[in-house]
Amino acid sequence: MRNQITVLSIDGGGIRGIIPGTMLAFLESELQKLDGADARLADYFDVISGTSTGGLEKLGNTQLHQTLTNIVIPTFDIKRLQPTIFSTYNVKNNPSTDALLSDICIGTSAAPTYLPAHYFETKDPSGKVRDFNLIDGGVAANNPTLVAISEVSKAINRRGPDSYRMNPMEYGRFLVLSLALVQQNQKKSMMQKKQLNGDDTLTGTLSSVDVATKENLENLVKVGEELLKKQVSRVGLNYSRGKSIFATLSQLLEIKATTPRHD
């Protein structure tokens, strides 16, 4: 019986998105040591959700339906004045959203006042063209965790409880790994989840969302590397303080052996 739905959620944060990117790259390399060179983070999560720079999962000619695992990427369409959610759970019902990941990622990362809206078109199987005018997904959902959970819940409603061996309201069955770039006082007000908080206060240019100098980029990588060495200051129930953040990440992902990803 399937016990948990695993969610990786990556918040926006401008250029500071290099920090969670560094942590995830290190985590994947360590998992490859345990499970083989072909192991990918996508193997460990039922759904990966990201906003703004957190949505930069993969660029190129890959379309939404071709991802290695389910993804949920919030954006905001300034022409329609409403959020547009790109979700592998819904792409069959809404084929006009089967866009290139490169277009989706550029759209969710187009921060207002910093970058222009990203325009592109898609064509559904019937030949109908849809246009998109997208800006930063943070306008709609800077923390994409709830968007991901909502998409899973809607998928369960469509397919029936047997598809996931759970009811859509069993939120205790969601195991969420959230990498956030928010202030400490904001973290305290967030929903309870498996979130790892170290002494991650950023100052000076490191705290900026748009300083993209070589020096700052290298320093942000170092912040991510140092953060992995720090001890966990607060986690969810059943996970103790005092462990390194990587050790806790590994503990959270031990679920793979007993609960393989649900496609």
C-alpha atoms as a PDB file:
ATOM      1  CA  MET A   1       0.000   0.000   0.000  1.00  0.00           C
ATOM      2  CA  ARG A   2       1.274   3.436  -0.913  1.00  0.00           C
ATOM      3  CA  ASN A   3       2.007   5.381   2.294  1.00  0.00           C
ATOM      4  CA  GLN A   4       3.123   8.805   1.130  1.00  0.00           C
ATOM      5  CA  ILE A   5       3.081  11.252  -1.739  1.00  0.00           C
ATOM      6  CA  THR A   6       6.504  12.878  -2.034  1.00  0.00           C
ATOM      7  CA  VAL A   7       6.758  16.539  -3.055  1.00  0.00           C
ATOM      8  CA  LEU A   8       9.839  18.641  -3.771  1.00  0.00           C
ATOM      9  CA  SER A   9       8.955  22.341  -3.562  1.00  0.00           C
ATOM     10  CA  ILE A  10      11.413  25.081  -4.544  1.00  0.00           C
ATOM     11  CA  ASP A  11      10.543  28.698  -3.814  1.00  0.00           C
ATOM     12  CA  GLY A  12      11.493  31.695  -5.899  1.00  0.00           C
ATOM     13  CA  GLY A  13      14.344  33.983  -4.936  1.00  0.00           C
ATOM     14  CA  GLY A  14      15.913  35.497  -8.010  1.00  0.00           C
ATOM     15  CA  ILE A  15      19.628  34.871  -8.430  1.00  0.00           C
ATOM     16  CA  ARG A  16      19.649  33.363  -4.934  1.00  0.00           C
ATOM     17  CA  GLY A  17      18.055  30.296  -6.512  1.00  0.00           C
ATOM     18  CA  ILE A  18      21.645  29.162  -6.984  1.00  0.00           C
ATOM     19  CA  ILE A  19      21.611  28.175  -3.289  1.00  0.00           C
ATOM     20  CA  PRO A  20      18.891  25.480  -3.497  1.00  0.00           C
ATOM     21  CA  GLY A  21      20.307  24.502  -6.896  1.00  0.00           C
ATOM     22  CA  THR A  22      23.687  23.841  -5.280  1.00  0.00           C
ATOM     23  CA  MET A  23      22.072  21.837  -2.487  1.00  0.00           C
ATOM     24  CA  LEU A  24      20.030  19.728  -4.907  1.00  0.00           C
ATOM     25  CA  ALA A  25      23.032  19.049  -7.149  1.00  0.00           C
ATOM     26  CA  PHE A  26      25.004  17.848  -4.120  1.00  0.00           C
ATOM     27  CA  LEU A  27      22.099  15.749  -2.890  1.00  0.00           C
ATOM     28  CA  GLU A  28      21.740  14.058  -6.276  1.00  0.00           C
ATOM     29  CA  SER A  29      25.465  13.291  -6.422  1.00  0.00           C
ATOM     30  CA  GLU A  30      25.309  11.681  -2.976  1.00  0.00           C
ATOM     31  CA  LEU A  31      22.240   9.661  -3.919  1.00  0.00           C
ATOM     32  CA  GLN A  32      24.109   8.410  -6.978  1.00  0.00           C
ATOM     33  CA  LYS A  33      26.784   7.040  -4.668  1.00  0.00           C
ATOM     34  CA  LEU A  34      24.076   5.073  -2.866  1.00  0.00           C
ATOM     35  CA  ASP A  35      21.825   4.006  -5.749  1.00  0.00           C
ATOM     36  CA  GLY A  36      24.033   4.155  -8.837  1.00  0.00           C
ATOM     37  CA  ALA A  37      25.097   6.677 -11.440  1.00  0.00           C
ATOM     38  CA  ASP A  38      21.669   6.712 -13.102  1.00  0.00           C
ATOM     39  CA  ALA A  39      19.861   7.906  -9.955  1.00  0.00           C
ATOM     40  CA  ARG A  40      18.077  11.228 -10.400  1.00  0.00           C
ATOM     41  CA  LEU A  41      16.169  13.406  -7.953  1.00  0.00           C
ATOM     42  CA  ALA A  42      13.113  12.840 -10.130  1.00  0.00           C
ATOM     43  CA  ASP A  43      13.214   9.175  -9.042  1.00  0.00           C
ATOM     44  CA  TYR A  44      12.506  10.165  -5.447  1.00  0.00           C
ATOM     45  CA  PHE A  45       9.573  12.541  -5.862  1.00  0.00           C
ATOM     46  CA  ASP A  46       6.031  12.098  -7.146  1.00  0.00           C
ATOM     47  CA  VAL A  47       5.880  15.786  -8.012  1.00  0.00           C
ATOM     48  CA  ILE A  48       8.363  18.649  -8.251  1.00  0.00           C
ATOM     49  CA  SER A  49       6.951  22.147  -7.955  1.00  0.00           C
ATOM     50  CA  GLY A  50       8.813  25.420  -8.391  1.00  0.00           C
ATOM     51  CA  THR A  51       8.109  29.128  -8.677  1.00  0.00           C
ATOM     52  CA  SER A  52      10.285  31.711 -10.404  1.00  0.00           C
ATOM     53  CA  THR A  53      13.905  30.497 -10.273  1.00  0.00           C
ATOM     54  CA  GLY A  54      12.572  27.440  -8.441  1.00  0.00           C
ATOM     55  CA  GLY A  55      10.883  26.454 -11.716  1.00  0.00           C
ATOM     56  CA  LEU A  56      14.149  26.113 -13.611  1.00  0.00           C
ATOM     57  CA  GLU A  57      14.101  22.316 -13.595  1.00  0.00           C
ATOM     58  CA  LYS A  58      15.141  21.702 -17.189  1.00  0.00           C
ATOM     59  CA  LEU A  59      15.429  23.740 -20.350  1.00  0.00           C
ATOM     60  CA  GLY A  60      15.511  22.713 -23.984  1.00  0.00           C
ATOM     61  CA  ASN A  61      13.120  21.133 -26.473  1.00  0.00           C
ATOM     62  CA  THR A  62      11.392  18.989 -23.860  1.00  0.00           C
ATOM     63  CA  GLN A  63       7.634  19.495 -23.583  1.00  0.00           C
ATOM     64  CA  LEU A  64       5.583  19.387 -20.404  1.00  0.00           C
ATOM     65  CA  HIS A  65       4.314  15.829 -21.006  1.00  0.00           C
ATOM     66  CA  GLN A  66       7.891  14.521 -21.400  1.00  0.00           C
ATOM     67  CA  THR A  67       9.224  15.262 -17.902  1.00  0.00           C
ATOM     68  CA  LEU A  68      10.851  12.526 -15.825  1.00  0.00           C
ATOM     69  CA  THR A  69       8.362  13.033 -13.000  1.00  0.00           C
ATOM     70  CA  ASN A  70       5.235  15.110 -12.446  1.00  0.00           C
ATOM     71  CA  ILE A  71       5.864  18.843 -12.282  1.00  0.00           C
ATOM     72  CA  VAL A  72       3.733  21.822 -11.280  1.00  0.00           C
ATOM     73  CA  ILE A  73       4.919  25.299 -12.300  1.00  0.00           C
ATOM     74  CA  PRO A  74       2.844  28.394 -11.406  1.00  0.00           C
ATOM     75  CA  THR A  75       2.988  31.451 -13.671  1.00  0.00           C
ATOM     76  CA  PHE A  76       0.856  34.564 -14.117  1.00  0.00           C
ATOM     77  CA  ASP A  77      -0.615  35.634 -17.462  1.00  0.00           C
ATOM     78  CA  ILE A  78      -0.739  39.442 -17.664  1.00  0.00           C
ATOM     79  CA  LYS A  79      -3.109  39.416 -20.646  1.00  0.00           C
ATOM     80  CA  ARG A  80      -5.682  37.194 -18.954  1.00  0.00           C
ATOM     81  CA  LEU A  81      -4.897  38.682 -15.532  1.00  0.00           C
ATOM     82  CA  GLN A  82      -4.956  35.283 -13.858  1.00  0.00           C
ATOM     83  CA  PRO A  83      -2.571  32.512 -12.804  1.00  0.00           C
ATOM     84  CA  THR A  84      -1.656  29.845 -15.332  1.00  0.00           C
ATOM     85  CA  ILE A  85      -0.541  26.553 -13.809  1.00  0.00           C
ATOM     86  CA  PHE A  86       1.522  24.212 -15.966  1.00  0.00           C
ATOM     87  CA  SER A  87       0.880  20.771 -14.536  1.00  0.00           C
ATOM     88  CA  THR A  88       1.629  17.309 -15.895  1.00  0.00           C
ATOM     89  CA  TYR A  89      -1.438  16.154 -13.965  1.00  0.00           C
ATOM     90  CA  ASN A  90      -3.653  18.297 -16.162  1.00  0.00           C
ATOM     91  CA  VAL A  91      -1.856  18.353 -19.520  1.00  0.00           C
ATOM     92  CA  LYS A  92      -4.049  15.606 -21.036  1.00  0.00           C
ATOM     93  CA  ASN A  93      -7.209  17.529 -20.144  1.00  0.00           C
ATOM     94  CA  ASN A  94      -5.706  20.841 -21.248  1.00  0.00           C
ATOM     95  CA  PRO A  95      -3.301  20.083 -24.142  1.00  0.00           C
ATOM     96  CA  SER A  96      -2.796  23.777 -24.898  1.00  0.00           C
ATOM     97  CA  THR A  97      -0.523  23.880 -21.835  1.00  0.00           C
ATOM     98  CA  ASP A  98       1.841  21.265 -23.308  1.00  0.00           C
ATOM     99  CA  ALA A  99       4.492  23.918 -23.876  1.00  0.00           C
ATOM    100  CA  LEU A 100       8.256  23.652 -24.055  1.00  0.00           C
ATOM    101  CA  LEU A 101       9.862  23.590 -20.624  1.00  0.00           C
ATOM    102  CA  SER A 102      12.148  26.381 -21.797  1.00  0.00           C
ATOM    103  CA  ASP A 103       9.137  28.653 -22.378  1.00  0.00           C
ATOM    104  CA  ILE A 104       7.523  27.655 -19.063  1.00  0.00           C
ATOM    105  CA  CYS A 105      10.736  28.285 -17.126  1.00  0.00           C
ATOM    106  CA  ILE A 106      11.428  31.636 -18.776  1.00  0.00           C
ATOM    107  CA  GLY A 107       7.831  32.645 -18.067  1.00  0.00           C
ATOM    108  CA  THR A 108       7.829  31.702 -14.370  1.00  0.00           C
ATOM    109  CA  SER A 109      11.185  33.489 -13.936  1.00  0.00           C
ATOM    110  CA  ALA A 110      10.189  36.765 -15.629  1.00  0.00           C
ATOM    111  CA  ALA A 111      10.184  38.930 -12.519  1.00  0.00           C
ATOM    112  CA  PRO A 112       8.221  42.180 -13.008  1.00  0.00           C
ATOM    113  CA  THR A 113      10.368  45.336 -13.301  1.00  0.00           C
ATOM    114  CA  TYR A 114      13.448  43.157 -13.902  1.00  0.00           C
ATOM    115  CA  LEU A 115      12.422  41.233 -17.028  1.00  0.00           C
ATOM    116  CA  PRO A 116       9.711  41.586 -19.702  1.00  0.00           C
ATOM    117  CA  ALA A 117       6.781  39.204 -19.897  1.00  0.00           C
ATOM    118  CA  HIS A 118       7.535  36.100 -21.927  1.00  0.00           C
ATOM    119  CA  TYR A 119       5.317  35.603 -24.973  1.00  0.00           C
ATOM    120  CA  PHE A 120       4.910  32.293 -26.779  1.00  0.00           C
ATOM    121  CA  GLU A 121       2.255  30.196 -28.477  1.00  0.00           C
ATOM    122  CA  THR A 122       1.217  26.558 -28.373  1.00  0.00           C
ATOM    123  CA  LYS A 123      -0.934  24.513 -30.728  1.00  0.00           C
ATOM    124  CA  ASP A 124      -3.181  21.717 -29.462  1.00  0.00           C
ATOM    125  CA  PRO A 125      -3.844  18.485 -31.431  1.00  0.00           C
ATOM    126  CA  SER A 126      -6.849  20.092 -33.156  1.00  0.00           C
ATOM    127  CA  GLY A 127      -4.656  22.928 -34.433  1.00  0.00           C
ATOM    128  CA  LYS A 128      -6.044  25.590 -32.109  1.00  0.00           C
ATOM    129  CA  VAL A 129      -3.421  28.177 -31.167  1.00  0.00           C
ATOM    130  CA  ARG A 130      -3.174  29.611 -27.671  1.00  0.00           C
ATOM    131  CA  ASP A 131      -0.982  32.555 -26.745  1.00  0.00           C
ATOM    132  CA  PHE A 132       0.694  33.094 -23.377  1.00  0.00           C
ATOM    133  CA  ASN A 133       2.012  36.325 -21.854  1.00  0.00           C
ATOM    134  CA  LEU A 134       3.700  35.150 -18.671  1.00  0.00           C
ATOM    135  CA  ILE A 135       5.477  36.739 -15.756  1.00  0.00           C
ATOM    136  CA  ASP A 136       6.975  35.484 -12.501  1.00  0.00           C
ATOM    137  CA  GLY A 137       4.977  32.698 -10.877  1.00  0.00           C
ATOM    138  CA  GLY A 138       5.646  34.352  -7.520  1.00  0.00           C
ATOM    139  CA  VAL A 139       2.902  36.833  -8.392  1.00  0.00           C
ATOM    140  CA  ALA A 140       0.468  33.952  -7.998  1.00  0.00           C
ATOM    141  CA  ALA A 141       2.268  31.551  -5.642  1.00  0.00           C
ATOM    142  CA  ASN A 142       5.727  32.332  -4.294  1.00  0.00           C
ATOM    143  CA  ASN A 143       5.504  29.172  -2.171  1.00  0.00           C
ATOM    144  CA  PRO A 144       4.429  26.478  -4.664  1.00  0.00           C
ATOM    145  CA  THR A 145       3.827  23.747  -2.071  1.00  0.00           C
ATOM    146  CA  LEU A 146       0.073  24.288  -1.811  1.00  0.00           C
ATOM    147  CA  VAL A 147      -0.228  24.453  -5.595  1.00  0.00           C
ATOM    148  CA  ALA A 148       1.442  21.039  -5.885  1.00  0.00           C
ATOM    149  CA  ILE A 149      -0.748  19.507  -3.186  1.00  0.00           C
ATOM    150  CA  SER A 150      -3.829  20.977  -4.848  1.00  0.00           C
ATOM    151  CA  GLU A 151      -2.871  19.426  -8.198  1.00  0.00           C
ATOM    152  CA  VAL A 152      -2.364  16.004  -6.608  1.00  0.00           C
ATOM    153  CA  SER A 153      -5.708  16.281  -4.793  1.00  0.00           C
ATOM    154  CA  LYS A 154      -7.494  17.173  -8.032  1.00  0.00           C
ATOM    155  CA  ALA A 155      -5.809  14.232  -9.775  1.00  0.00           C
ATOM    156  CA  ILE A 156      -7.087  11.888  -7.053  1.00  0.00           C
ATOM    157  CA  ASN A 157     -10.602  13.289  -7.474  1.00  0.00           C
ATOM    158  CA  ARG A 158     -10.440  12.677 -11.225  1.00  0.00           C
ATOM    159  CA  ARG A 159      -8.937   9.175 -11.061  1.00  0.00           C
ATOM    160  CA  GLY A 160     -10.517   7.992  -7.815  1.00  0.00           C
ATOM    161  CA  PRO A 161      -8.967   7.179  -4.403  1.00  0.00           C
ATOM    162  CA  ASP A 162      -7.583   3.848  -5.635  1.00  0.00           C
ATOM    163  CA  SER A 163      -5.112   5.641  -7.913  1.00  0.00           C
ATOM    164  CA  TYR A 164      -3.059   6.777  -4.924  1.00  0.00           C
ATOM    165  CA  ARG A 165      -4.521   4.510  -2.233  1.00  0.00           C
ATOM    166  CA  MET A 166      -5.625   7.658  -0.402  1.00  0.00           C
ATOM    167  CA  ASN A 167      -8.380  10.225  -0.207  1.00  0.00           C
ATOM    168  CA  PRO A 168      -7.682  13.746  -1.501  1.00  0.00           C
ATOM    169  CA  MET A 169      -8.083  15.232   2.002  1.00  0.00           C
ATOM    170  CA  GLU A 170      -5.457  12.998   3.658  1.00  0.00           C
ATOM    171  CA  TYR A 171      -2.865  15.749   3.808  1.00  0.00           C
ATOM    172  CA  GLY A 172      -0.896  13.892   6.470  1.00  0.00           C
ATOM    173  CA  ARG A 173       0.207  11.515   3.714  1.00  0.00           C
ATOM    174  CA  PHE A 174       2.150  14.239   1.904  1.00  0.00           C
ATOM    175  CA  LEU A 175       5.894  14.279   2.565  1.00  0.00           C
ATOM    176  CA  VAL A 176       7.128  17.708   1.472  1.00  0.00           C
ATOM    177  CA  LEU A 177      10.743  18.740   1.097  1.00  0.00           C
ATOM    178  CA  SER A 178      10.652  22.524   0.731  1.00  0.00           C
ATOM    179  CA  LEU A 179      13.681  24.650  -0.093  1.00  0.00           C
ATOM    180  CA  ALA A 180      12.758  28.216   0.768  1.00  0.00           C
ATOM    181  CA  LEU A 181      14.453  31.588   0.379  1.00  0.00           C
ATOM    182  CA  VAL A 182      12.402  33.638   2.843  1.00  0.00           C
ATOM    183  CA  GLN A 183      13.017  35.554   6.024  1.00  0.00           C
ATOM    184  CA  GLN A 184      12.976  33.712   9.332  1.00  0.00           C
ATOM    185  CA  ASN A 185       9.805  35.419  10.578  1.00  0.00           C
ATOM    186  CA  GLN A 186       8.047  34.347   7.387  1.00  0.00           C
ATOM    187  CA  LYS A 187       9.144  30.757   7.875  1.00  0.00           C
ATOM    188  CA  LYS A 188       7.441  30.605  11.238  1.00  0.00           C
ATOM    189  CA  SER A 189       4.081  31.329   9.671  1.00  0.00           C
ATOM    190  CA  MET A 190       4.320  28.693   6.950  1.00  0.00           C
ATOM    191  CA  MET A 191       2.361  25.438   7.007  1.00  0.00           C
ATOM    192  CA  GLN A 192       3.952  22.589   8.938  1.00  0.00           C
ATOM    193  CA  LYS A 193       6.088  20.490   6.662  1.00  0.00           C
ATOM    194  CA  LYS A 194       9.506  18.885   6.489  1.00  0.00           C
ATOM    195  CA  GLN A 195      11.400  22.158   6.001  1.00  0.00           C
ATOM    196  CA  LEU A 196      15.062  22.491   6.818  1.00  0.00           C
ATOM    197  CA  ASN A 197      16.162  25.717   8.448  1.00  0.00           C
ATOM    198  CA  GLY A 198      19.798  26.454   9.096  1.00  0.00           C
ATOM    199  CA  ASP A 199      21.501  29.723   9.994  1.00  0.00           C
ATOM    200  CA  ASP A 200      20.925  30.951   6.459  1.00  0.00           C
ATOM    201  CA  THR A 201      20.739  34.730   6.922  1.00  0.00           C
ATOM    202  CA  LEU A 202      21.996  36.529   3.821  1.00  0.00           C
ATOM    203  CA  THR A 203      23.419  40.044   3.904  1.00  0.00           C
ATOM    204  CA  GLY A 204      24.808  42.528   1.407  1.00  0.00           C
ATOM    205  CA  THR A 205      24.856  41.497  -2.244  1.00  0.00           C
ATOM    206  CA  LEU A 206      24.137  37.898  -1.230  1.00  0.00           C
ATOM    207  CA  SER A 207      20.626  38.958  -0.216  1.00  0.00           C
ATOM    208  CA  SER A 208      19.928  40.645  -3.565  1.00  0.00           C
ATOM    209  CA  VAL A 209      17.718  38.935  -6.132  1.00  0.00           C
ATOM    210  CA  ASP A 210      19.505  40.379  -9.185  1.00  0.00           C
ATOM    211  CA  VAL A 211      23.254  40.808  -8.581  1.00  0.00           C
ATOM    212  CA  ALA A 212      24.623  38.398 -11.189  1.00  0.00           C
ATOM    213  CA  THR A 213      28.328  39.206 -11.036  1.00  0.00           C
ATOM    214  CA  LYS A 214      30.749  36.296 -11.227  1.00  0.00           C
ATOM    215  CA  GLU A 215      31.870  37.001  -7.665  1.00  0.00           C
ATOM    216  CA  ASN A 216      28.334  36.955  -6.266  1.00  0.00           C
ATOM    217  CA  LEU A 217      27.418  33.801  -8.196  1.00  0.00           C
ATOM    218  CA  GLU A 218      30.454  32.007  -6.790  1.00  0.00           C
ATOM    219  CA  ASN A 219      29.676  33.250  -3.287  1.00  0.00           C
ATOM    220  CA  LEU A 220      26.091  31.988  -3.540  1.00  0.00           C
ATOM    221  CA  VAL A 221      27.413  28.539  -4.468  1.00  0.00           C
ATOM    222  CA  LYS A 222      29.610  28.671  -1.367  1.00  0.00           C
ATOM    223  CA  VAL A 223      26.582  29.604   0.766  1.00  0.00           C
ATOM    224  CA  GLY A 224      24.766  26.514  -0.486  1.00  0.00           C
ATOM    225  CA  GLU A 225      27.790  24.312   0.204  1.00  0.00           C
ATOM    226  CA  GLU A 226      28.226  25.704   3.711  1.00  0.00           C
ATOM    227  CA  LEU A 227      24.525  25.388   4.459  1.00  0.00           C
ATOM    228  CA  LEU A 228      24.741  21.648   3.806  1.00  0.00           C
ATOM    229  CA  LYS A 229      27.262  21.374   6.647  1.00  0.00           C
ATOM    230  CA  LYS A 230      25.085  23.175   9.188  1.00  0.00           C
ATOM    231  CA  GLN A 231      22.881  21.467  11.715  1.00  0.00           C
ATOM    232  CA  VAL A 232      19.139  21.440  11.376  1.00  0.00           C
ATOM    233  CA  SER A 233      17.461  23.997  13.631  1.00  0.00           C
ATOM    234  CA  ARG A 234      13.819  23.004  13.075  1.00  0.00           C
ATOM    235  CA  VAL A 235      12.182  20.110  11.246  1.00  0.00           C
ATOM    236  CA  GLY A 236       8.894  18.264  11.326  1.00  0.00           C
ATOM    237  CA  LEU A 237       7.863  15.571  13.743  1.00  0.00           C
ATOM    238  CA  ASN A 238       9.926  12.372  13.899  1.00  0.00           C
ATOM    239  CA  TYR A 239      13.101  14.116  12.724  1.00  0.00           C
ATOM    240  CA  SER A 240      15.560  15.182  15.400  1.00  0.00           C
ATOM    241  CA  ARG A 241      17.599  18.338  15.724  1.00  0.00           C
ATOM    242  CA  GLY A 242      21.356  18.289  15.672  1.00  0.00           C
ATOM    243  CA  LYS A 243      21.882  16.383  12.429  1.00  0.00           C
ATOM    244  CA  SER A 244      23.483  17.937   9.380  1.00  0.00           C
ATOM    245  CA  ILE A 245      21.038  19.180   6.776  1.00  0.00           C
ATOM    246  CA  PHE A 246      22.293  16.591   4.285  1.00  0.00           C
ATOM    247  CA  ALA A 247      21.842  13.776   6.813  1.00  0.00           C
ATOM    248  CA  THR A 248      18.255  14.886   7.342  1.00  0.00           C
ATOM    249  CA  LEU A 249      17.654  15.129   3.602  1.00  0.00           C
ATOM    250  CA  SER A 250      18.914  11.585   3.237  1.00  0.00           C
ATOM    251  CA  GLN A 251      16.630  10.421   6.055  1.00  0.00           C
ATOM    252  CA  LEU A 252      13.652  12.046   4.377  1.00  0.00           C
ATOM    253  CA  LEU A 253      14.443  10.285   1.120  1.00  0.00           C
ATOM    254  CA  GLU A 254      14.877   6.818   2.593  1.00  0.00           C
ATOM    255  CA  ILE A 255      11.224   6.353   1.620  1.00  0.00           C
ATOM    256  CA  LYS A 256      12.297   5.368  -1.889  1.00  0.00           C
ATOM    257  CA  ALA A 257      13.068   1.778  -0.928  1.00  0.00           C
ATOM    258  CA  THR A 258       9.585   1.118   0.500  1.00  0.00           C
ATOM    259  CA  THR A 259       7.403   3.544  -1.442  1.00  0.00           C
ATOM    260  CA  PRO A 260       8.460   3.829  -5.096  1.00  0.00           C
ATOM    261  CA  ARG A 261       7.356   6.915  -6.984  1.00  0.00           C
ATOM    262  CA  HIS A 262       3.768   6.914  -8.269  1.00  0.00           C
ATOM    263  CA  ASP A 263       3.537   8.032 -11.915  1.00  0.00           C
END
